[in-house]
Amino acid sequence: MEEEIVLHLDRTTAKYLAYMLYDVGEHSAAGARIAPMSTDESVRLGEVLRALWRELGIPQPYVTDSVAERPRRI
């Protein structure tokens, strides 16, 4: 069995993540507009992304000075 990665989210952050994933899916599928995020949404989802990268062992972008070391895509 593959190793599991578990992230615990509060309800508000989980809701923001669900909305963002839906918006990105609709944008990808049909070119729908992605609504701008509030500062709170951006901060919370940034924390989720950093936690996910940390759990996956992926280096944090913008932590290094070398552009070559920054991941472009996961």
N, C-alpha and C. Protein backbone atom coordinates (compact mmCIF):
# COMPACT_ATOMS: atom_id res chain seq x y z
N MET A 1 0.84 -1.18 0.00
CA MET A 1 0.00 0.00 0.00
C MET A 1 0.89 1.24 0.00
N GLU A 2 0.49 2.21 -0.78
CA GLU A 2 1.24 3.45 -0.88
C GLU A 2 1.11 4.27 0.41
N GLU A 3 2.20 4.97 0.76
CA GLU A 3 2.20 5.80 1.96
C GLU A 3 1.13 6.89 1.85
N GLU A 4 0.40 7.12 2.94
CA GLU A 4 -0.63 8.15 2.96
C GLU A 4 -0.06 9.47 3.47
N ILE A 5 -0.58 10.54 2.92
CA ILE A 5 -0.28 11.88 3.40
C ILE A 5 -1.60 12.42 3.94
N VAL A 6 -1.60 12.84 5.19
CA VAL A 6 -2.82 13.33 5.83
C VAL A 6 -2.60 14.77 6.28
N LEU A 7 -3.49 15.64 5.84
CA LEU A 7 -3.47 17.03 6.28
C LEU A 7 -4.78 17.29 7.01
N HIS A 8 -4.71 17.97 8.13
CA HIS A 8 -5.90 18.32 8.89
C HIS A 8 -6.22 19.79 8.63
N LEU A 9 -7.45 20.05 8.20
CA LEU A 9 -7.87 21.40 7.87
C LEU A 9 -9.05 21.81 8.73
N ASP A 10 -9.08 23.07 9.11
CA ASP A 10 -10.29 23.57 9.75
C ASP A 10 -11.36 23.73 8.68
N ARG A 11 -12.61 23.87 9.08
CA ARG A 11 -13.73 23.92 8.15
C ARG A 11 -13.61 25.05 7.14
N THR A 12 -13.21 26.23 7.57
CA THR A 12 -13.12 27.37 6.67
C THR A 12 -12.07 27.12 5.60
N THR A 13 -10.90 26.63 5.99
CA THR A 13 -9.84 26.35 5.03
C THR A 13 -10.27 25.25 4.06
N ALA A 14 -10.93 24.21 4.56
CA ALA A 14 -11.41 23.13 3.70
C ALA A 14 -12.41 23.67 2.68
N LYS A 15 -13.27 24.58 3.10
CA LYS A 15 -14.24 25.18 2.19
C LYS A 15 -13.53 25.98 1.11
N TYR A 16 -12.53 26.78 1.50
CA TYR A 16 -11.76 27.56 0.53
C TYR A 16 -11.07 26.64 -0.47
N LEU A 17 -10.51 25.54 0.02
CA LEU A 17 -9.83 24.59 -0.86
C LEU A 17 -10.81 23.97 -1.85
N ALA A 18 -11.99 23.58 -1.37
CA ALA A 18 -12.99 22.98 -2.25
C ALA A 18 -13.42 23.97 -3.33
N TYR A 19 -13.67 25.21 -2.97
CA TYR A 19 -14.06 26.23 -3.95
C TYR A 19 -12.96 26.48 -4.97
N MET A 20 -11.72 26.55 -4.49
CA MET A 20 -10.60 26.80 -5.39
C MET A 20 -10.42 25.65 -6.37
N LEU A 21 -10.51 24.40 -5.89
CA LEU A 21 -10.39 23.25 -6.78
C LEU A 21 -11.51 23.22 -7.81
N TYR A 22 -12.72 23.56 -7.39
CA TYR A 22 -13.84 23.61 -8.32
C TYR A 22 -13.60 24.69 -9.38
N ASP A 23 -13.18 25.88 -8.95
CA ASP A 23 -12.92 26.97 -9.89
C ASP A 23 -11.83 26.60 -10.90
N VAL A 24 -10.77 25.97 -10.44
CA VAL A 24 -9.69 25.57 -11.33
C VAL A 24 -10.18 24.50 -12.31
N GLY A 25 -10.98 23.56 -11.83
CA GLY A 25 -11.54 22.54 -12.71
C GLY A 25 -12.44 23.13 -13.78
N GLU A 26 -13.29 24.06 -13.40
CA GLU A 26 -14.18 24.71 -14.37
C GLU A 26 -13.38 25.56 -15.36
N HIS A 27 -12.33 26.18 -14.86
CA HIS A 27 -11.47 26.98 -15.74
C HIS A 27 -10.80 26.09 -16.77
N SER A 28 -10.28 24.96 -16.29
CA SER A 28 -9.60 24.02 -17.17
C SER A 28 -10.55 23.39 -18.18
N ALA A 29 -11.74 23.03 -17.72
CA ALA A 29 -12.69 22.34 -18.58
C ALA A 29 -13.40 23.26 -19.56
N ALA A 30 -13.73 24.47 -19.10
CA ALA A 30 -14.59 25.32 -19.94
C ALA A 30 -14.13 26.76 -20.05
N GLY A 31 -12.95 27.06 -19.50
CA GLY A 31 -12.45 28.42 -19.59
C GLY A 31 -13.14 29.40 -18.66
N ALA A 32 -13.85 28.88 -17.66
CA ALA A 32 -14.53 29.76 -16.71
C ALA A 32 -13.53 30.65 -15.97
N ARG A 33 -13.97 31.83 -15.61
CA ARG A 33 -13.13 32.78 -14.89
C ARG A 33 -12.83 32.25 -13.49
N ILE A 34 -11.60 32.42 -13.03
CA ILE A 34 -11.23 32.08 -11.65
C ILE A 34 -11.34 33.35 -10.84
N ALA A 35 -12.22 33.33 -9.85
CA ALA A 35 -12.44 34.51 -9.02
C ALA A 35 -11.20 34.82 -8.19
N PRO A 36 -10.89 36.10 -8.02
CA PRO A 36 -9.76 36.46 -7.16
C PRO A 36 -10.01 36.00 -5.72
N MET A 37 -8.94 35.65 -5.03
CA MET A 37 -9.05 35.22 -3.64
C MET A 37 -8.94 36.42 -2.71
N SER A 38 -9.61 36.29 -1.58
CA SER A 38 -9.42 37.28 -0.53
C SER A 38 -8.05 37.04 0.11
N THR A 39 -7.58 37.98 0.89
CA THR A 39 -6.31 37.80 1.60
C THR A 39 -6.38 36.60 2.52
N ASP A 40 -7.51 36.41 3.20
CA ASP A 40 -7.66 35.28 4.11
C ASP A 40 -7.58 33.96 3.35
N GLU A 41 -8.27 33.86 2.20
CA GLU A 41 -8.21 32.65 1.39
C GLU A 41 -6.78 32.37 0.94
N SER A 42 -6.10 33.39 0.46
CA SER A 42 -4.74 33.23 -0.04
C SER A 42 -3.79 32.75 1.05
N VAL A 43 -3.90 33.35 2.23
CA VAL A 43 -3.02 32.96 3.35
C VAL A 43 -3.30 31.53 3.77
N ARG A 44 -4.57 31.19 3.94
CA ARG A 44 -4.93 29.83 4.38
C ARG A 44 -4.51 28.77 3.36
N LEU A 45 -4.77 29.03 2.08
CA LEU A 45 -4.41 28.05 1.06
C LEU A 45 -2.90 27.97 0.86
N GLY A 46 -2.21 29.08 1.07
CA GLY A 46 -0.75 29.05 1.05
C GLY A 46 -0.19 28.16 2.15
N GLU A 47 -0.82 28.21 3.33
CA GLU A 47 -0.39 27.35 4.44
C GLU A 47 -0.64 25.88 4.11
N VAL A 48 -1.77 25.59 3.46
CA VAL A 48 -2.05 24.20 3.05
C VAL A 48 -1.00 23.72 2.07
N LEU A 49 -0.68 24.53 1.08
CA LEU A 49 0.32 24.15 0.08
C LEU A 49 1.68 23.92 0.72
N ARG A 50 2.09 24.81 1.61
CA ARG A 50 3.39 24.61 2.30
C ARG A 50 3.38 23.34 3.12
N ALA A 51 2.28 23.04 3.81
CA ALA A 51 2.19 21.81 4.60
C ALA A 51 2.26 20.58 3.69
N LEU A 52 1.59 20.64 2.54
CA LEU A 52 1.62 19.52 1.61
C LEU A 52 3.03 19.31 1.06
N TRP A 53 3.69 20.38 0.65
CA TRP A 53 5.07 20.24 0.18
C TRP A 53 5.97 19.65 1.26
N ARG A 54 5.79 20.13 2.49
CA ARG A 54 6.61 19.63 3.60
C ARG A 54 6.39 18.13 3.78
N GLU A 55 5.14 17.68 3.78
CA GLU A 55 4.83 16.26 3.96
C GLU A 55 5.35 15.41 2.81
N LEU A 56 5.38 15.97 1.61
CA LEU A 56 5.89 15.25 0.44
C LEU A 56 7.41 15.31 0.33
N GLY A 57 8.03 16.15 1.15
CA GLY A 57 9.48 16.28 1.09
C GLY A 57 9.95 17.11 -0.09
N ILE A 58 9.07 17.94 -0.62
CA ILE A 58 9.40 18.80 -1.76
C ILE A 58 9.93 20.12 -1.24
N PRO A 59 11.06 20.58 -1.75
CA PRO A 59 11.61 21.86 -1.29
C PRO A 59 10.62 23.00 -1.52
N GLN A 60 10.63 23.92 -0.59
CA GLN A 60 9.76 25.08 -0.69
C GLN A 60 10.28 26.04 -1.75
N PRO A 61 9.43 26.44 -2.70
CA PRO A 61 9.91 27.42 -3.69
C PRO A 61 10.18 28.75 -3.02
N TYR A 62 11.06 29.49 -3.60
CA TYR A 62 11.43 30.83 -3.15
C TYR A 62 12.21 30.83 -1.84
N VAL A 63 12.59 29.65 -1.35
CA VAL A 63 13.44 29.57 -0.17
C VAL A 63 14.90 29.60 -0.58
N THR A 64 15.18 29.14 -1.78
CA THR A 64 16.54 29.11 -2.29
C THR A 64 16.78 30.27 -3.24
N ASP A 65 18.02 30.66 -3.40
CA ASP A 65 18.37 31.73 -4.32
C ASP A 65 18.51 31.21 -5.75
N SER A 66 18.66 29.91 -5.91
CA SER A 66 18.88 29.33 -7.22
C SER A 66 17.56 29.08 -7.94
N VAL A 67 17.35 29.75 -9.05
CA VAL A 67 16.13 29.55 -9.83
C VAL A 67 16.06 28.12 -10.33
N ALA A 68 17.18 27.51 -10.63
CA ALA A 68 17.21 26.14 -11.15
C ALA A 68 16.67 25.15 -10.13
N GLU A 69 16.77 25.45 -8.84
CA GLU A 69 16.31 24.52 -7.80
C GLU A 69 14.83 24.67 -7.50
N ARG A 70 14.19 25.71 -8.00
CA ARG A 70 12.78 25.94 -7.70
C ARG A 70 11.92 25.00 -8.55
N PRO A 71 10.99 24.29 -7.90
CA PRO A 71 10.11 23.42 -8.69
C PRO A 71 9.14 24.23 -9.53
N ARG A 72 8.95 23.81 -10.77
CA ARG A 72 7.98 24.48 -11.64
C ARG A 72 6.61 23.84 -11.49
N ARG A 73 6.60 22.52 -11.44
CA ARG A 73 5.35 21.77 -11.31
C ARG A 73 5.60 20.58 -10.42
N ILE A 74 4.59 20.17 -9.75
CA ILE A 74 4.68 18.98 -8.90
C ILE A 74 4.23 17.80 -9.72
